[in-house]
Each structure stands twice: as C-alpha cells, then as structure tokens.
C-alpha atoms as a PDB file:
ATOM      1  CA  MET A   1      35.278 218.153 -98.542  1.00  0.00           C
ATOM      2  CA  ARG A   2      33.722 220.923-100.846  1.00  0.00           C
ATOM      3  CA  LYS A   3      35.706 223.462 -98.642  1.00  0.00           C
ATOM      4  CA  ALA A   4      38.973 221.686 -99.255  1.00  0.00           C
ATOM      5  CA  ILE A   5      38.328 221.447-103.045  1.00  0.00           C
ATOM      6  CA  ALA A   6      37.489 225.257-103.074  1.00  0.00           C
ATOM      7  CA  LEU A   7      40.506 226.020-101.055  1.00  0.00           C
ATOM      8  CA  ARG A   8      42.699 224.040-103.359  1.00  0.00           C
ATOM      9  CA  SER A   9      41.088 225.697-106.342  1.00  0.00           C
ATOM     10  CA  TYR A  10      41.556 229.276-104.867  1.00  0.00           C
ATOM     11  CA  TYR A  11      45.192 228.349-104.001  1.00  0.00           C
ATOM     12  CA  PHE A  12      46.111 227.512-107.691  1.00  0.00           C
ATOM     13  CA  THR A  13      44.061 230.306-109.308  1.00  0.00           C
ATOM     14  CA  VAL A  14      44.984 233.278-107.122  1.00  0.00           C
ATOM     15  CA  PRO A  15      48.551 234.579-107.680  1.00  0.00           C
ATOM     16  CA  HIS A  16      50.202 234.440-104.380  1.00  0.00           C
ATOM     17  CA  SER A  17      53.574 235.103-105.864  1.00  0.00           C
ATOM     18  CA  THR A  18      55.433 235.041-109.294  1.00  0.00           C
ATOM     19  CA  ASN A  19      57.532 232.394-107.876  1.00  0.00           C
ATOM     20  CA  VAL A  20      54.844 229.959-106.612  1.00  0.00           C
ATOM     21  CA  SER A  21      54.960 226.722-108.449  1.00  0.00           C
ATOM     22  CA  LYS A  22      51.671 224.823-109.242  1.00  0.00           C
ATOM     23  CA  ALA A  23      53.353 221.641-108.707  1.00  0.00           C
ATOM     24  CA  VAL A  24      52.143 221.683-105.074  1.00  0.00           C
ATOM     25  CA  GLY A  25      50.687 218.550-103.370  1.00  0.00           C
ATOM     26  CA  ASN A  26      47.840 218.478-100.863  1.00  0.00           C
ATOM     27  CA  THR A  27      50.346 217.950 -97.985  1.00  0.00           C
ATOM     28  CA  GLN A  28      52.032 221.163 -98.687  1.00  0.00           C
ATOM     29  CA  ILE A  29      48.921 223.016 -99.165  1.00  0.00           C
ATOM     30  CA  TYR A  30      47.712 221.412 -95.713  1.00  0.00           C
ATOM     31  CA  ASN A  31      50.792 222.413 -94.065  1.00  0.00           C
ATOM     32  CA  ASN A  32      50.655 225.980 -95.270  1.00  0.00           C
ATOM     33  CA  PHE A  33      47.358 226.553 -93.605  1.00  0.00           C
ATOM     34  CA  PHE A  34      47.568 224.187 -90.517  1.00  0.00           C
ATOM     35  CA  GLU A  35      49.792 226.579 -88.494  1.00  0.00           C
ATOM     36  CA  GLU A  36      47.434 229.622 -89.161  1.00  0.00           C
ATOM     37  CA  PRO A  37      45.698 230.046 -85.730  1.00  0.00           C
ATOM     38  CA  THR A  38      42.706 231.600 -87.403  1.00  0.00           C
ATOM     39  CA  SER A  39      42.103 228.878 -89.727  1.00  0.00           C
ATOM     40  CA  GLN A  40      39.296 226.354 -89.418  1.00  0.00           C
ATOM     41  CA  LEU A  41      41.692 223.573 -89.854  1.00  0.00           C
ATOM     42  CA  TYR A  42      43.835 224.870 -86.937  1.00  0.00           C
ATOM     43  CA  LYS A  43      40.835 225.187 -84.737  1.00  0.00           C
ATOM     44  CA  LEU A  44      39.566 221.598 -85.521  1.00  0.00           C
ATOM     45  CA  HIS A  45      43.052 220.064 -84.867  1.00  0.00           C
ATOM     46  CA  ALA A  46      43.112 221.859 -81.411  1.00  0.00           C
ATOM     47  CA  LYS A  47      39.691 220.708 -80.602  1.00  0.00           C
ATOM     48  CA  LEU A  48      40.431 217.009 -81.667  1.00  0.00           C
ATOM     49  CA  ASP A  49      43.660 217.317 -79.511  1.00  0.00           C
ATOM     50  CA  ARG A  50      41.791 218.333 -76.457  1.00  0.00           C
ATOM     51  CA  GLU A  51      39.188 215.635 -76.841  1.00  0.00           C
ATOM     52  CA  VAL A  52      41.838 212.933 -77.265  1.00  0.00           C
ATOM     53  CA  MET A  53      43.769 214.293 -74.359  1.00  0.00           C
ATOM     54  CA  GLN A  54      40.541 214.212 -72.197  1.00  0.00           C
ATOM     55  CA  ALA A  55      39.441 210.617 -73.416  1.00  0.00           C
ATOM     56  CA  TYR A  56      42.851 209.139 -72.319  1.00  0.00           C
ATOM     57  CA  GLY A  57      43.122 211.234 -69.175  1.00  0.00           C
ATOM     58  CA  PHE A  58      46.309 212.898 -70.385  1.00  0.00           C
ATOM     59  CA  THR A  59      47.306 216.410 -69.073  1.00  0.00           C
ATOM     60  CA  ASP A  60      49.282 218.972 -70.782  1.00  0.00           C
ATOM     61  CA  SER A  61      52.133 218.217 -68.529  1.00  0.00           C
ATOM     62  CA  ASP A  62      52.195 214.549 -69.549  1.00  0.00           C
ATOM     63  CA  ASP A  63      54.865 213.073 -71.784  1.00  0.00           C
ATOM     64  CA  ILE A  64      52.489 212.077 -74.520  1.00  0.00           C
ATOM     65  CA  LEU A  65      54.911 209.863 -76.435  1.00  0.00           C
ATOM     66  CA  ALA A  66      55.738 207.919 -73.219  1.00  0.00           C
ATOM     67  CA  LYS A  67      52.160 207.525 -72.415  1.00  0.00           C
ATOM     68  CA  VAL A  68      51.237 206.152 -75.788  1.00  0.00           C
ATOM     69  CA  LEU A  69      54.197 203.874 -75.720  1.00  0.00           C
ATOM     70  CA  GLU A  70      52.887 202.554 -72.536  1.00  0.00           C
ATOM     71  CA  LEU A  71      49.512 202.026 -73.784  1.00  0.00           C
ATOM     72  CA  ASN A  72      50.928 200.155 -76.753  1.00  0.00           C
ATOM     73  CA  LEU A  73      53.257 197.939 -74.715  1.00  0.00           C
ATOM     74  CA  GLU A  74      50.497 196.563 -72.470  1.00  0.00           C
ATOM     75  CA  PRO A  75      48.661 194.665 -75.283  1.00  0.00           C
ATOM     76  CA  ALA A  76      51.951 193.680 -76.852  1.00  0.00           C
ATOM     77  CA  GLU A  77      52.907 192.007 -73.694  1.00  0.00           C
ATOM     78  CA  LYS A  78      49.501 190.223 -73.420  1.00  0.00           C
ATOM     79  CA  GLU A  79      50.014 189.107 -77.072  1.00  0.00           C
ATOM     80  CA  LYS A  80      53.473 187.619 -76.024  1.00  0.00           C
ATOM     81  CA  ARG A  81      51.857 185.724 -73.314  1.00  0.00           C
ATOM     82  CA  GLY A  82      49.238 184.342 -75.689  1.00  0.00           C
ATOM     83  CA  GLU A  83      46.230 186.208 -73.982  1.00  0.00           C
ATOM     84  CA  PRO A  84      43.503 187.693 -75.958  1.00  0.00           C
ATOM     85  CA  VAL A  85      43.890 191.305 -76.984  1.00  0.00           C
ATOM     86  CA  ILE A  86      40.726 193.363 -77.058  1.00  0.00           C
ATOM     87  CA  GLY A  87      40.747 196.284 -79.372  1.00  0.00           C
ATOM     88  CA  PRO A  88      40.517 199.929 -78.229  1.00  0.00           C
ATOM     89  CA  CYS A  89      37.288 201.469 -76.894  1.00  0.00           C
ATOM     90  CA  VAL A  90      36.098 204.464 -75.057  1.00  0.00           C
ATOM     91  CA  PRO A  91      37.407 204.629 -71.534  1.00  0.00           C
ATOM     92  CA  THR A  92      34.608 203.720 -69.030  1.00  0.00           C
ATOM     93  CA  ASP A  93      35.202 206.901 -67.135  1.00  0.00           C
ATOM     94  CA  TYR A  94      34.968 209.152 -70.087  1.00  0.00           C
ATOM     95  CA  LYS A  95      32.105 211.863 -69.795  1.00  0.00           C
ATOM     96  CA  TYR A  96      30.255 212.515 -73.049  1.00  0.00           C
END
C-alpha cells in the first residue's frame, strides 16, 4: 500500500506534461502503469493470471470466457433443482 501511495504522490508531483490534469483518479493511474511490461504491477498480474489458469486447469488455447460461463452454469442448474450449492474451493488436483 505504501508503494501505491508513493507512486500516486510521485505521479502528481513530477511534471509529466504541461497538459496533465491533476484531476486523475486511481483507475486512470492504474491503467497507465498496468500495460508497462517492466512494472511490478504488470508482473504481479501476469503471475496471478498464470496461477489462476493452473488452479482451474485452463490452457492458453482455452476460451476462458466460455470456461468460466460453464463453471457458473453448473451451480446455477443445481440451484434451480433445489440442490445445495457448495462454495468454490481449491481443486483437489491442484499442486501447491
């Protein structure tokens, strides 16, 4: 959190351009740094993406949206049938 505060402080105090408005929200600042491959934020998101893909058994060639929809439809159907729906957990075959 301290790094985020320092980054925000730096962003507002260093003159990046004469046209930069200081009316910038956290989302815009986040988006400016997210796509920078050398940023720690970018690296952390990439690592998180890989871990989630592995946890769910997804591959790079999978249609992720279709897979997530499929995962959500299964408990929805159970709910319609009046069956209990157990919350998500770590898949049993996930290797720590």
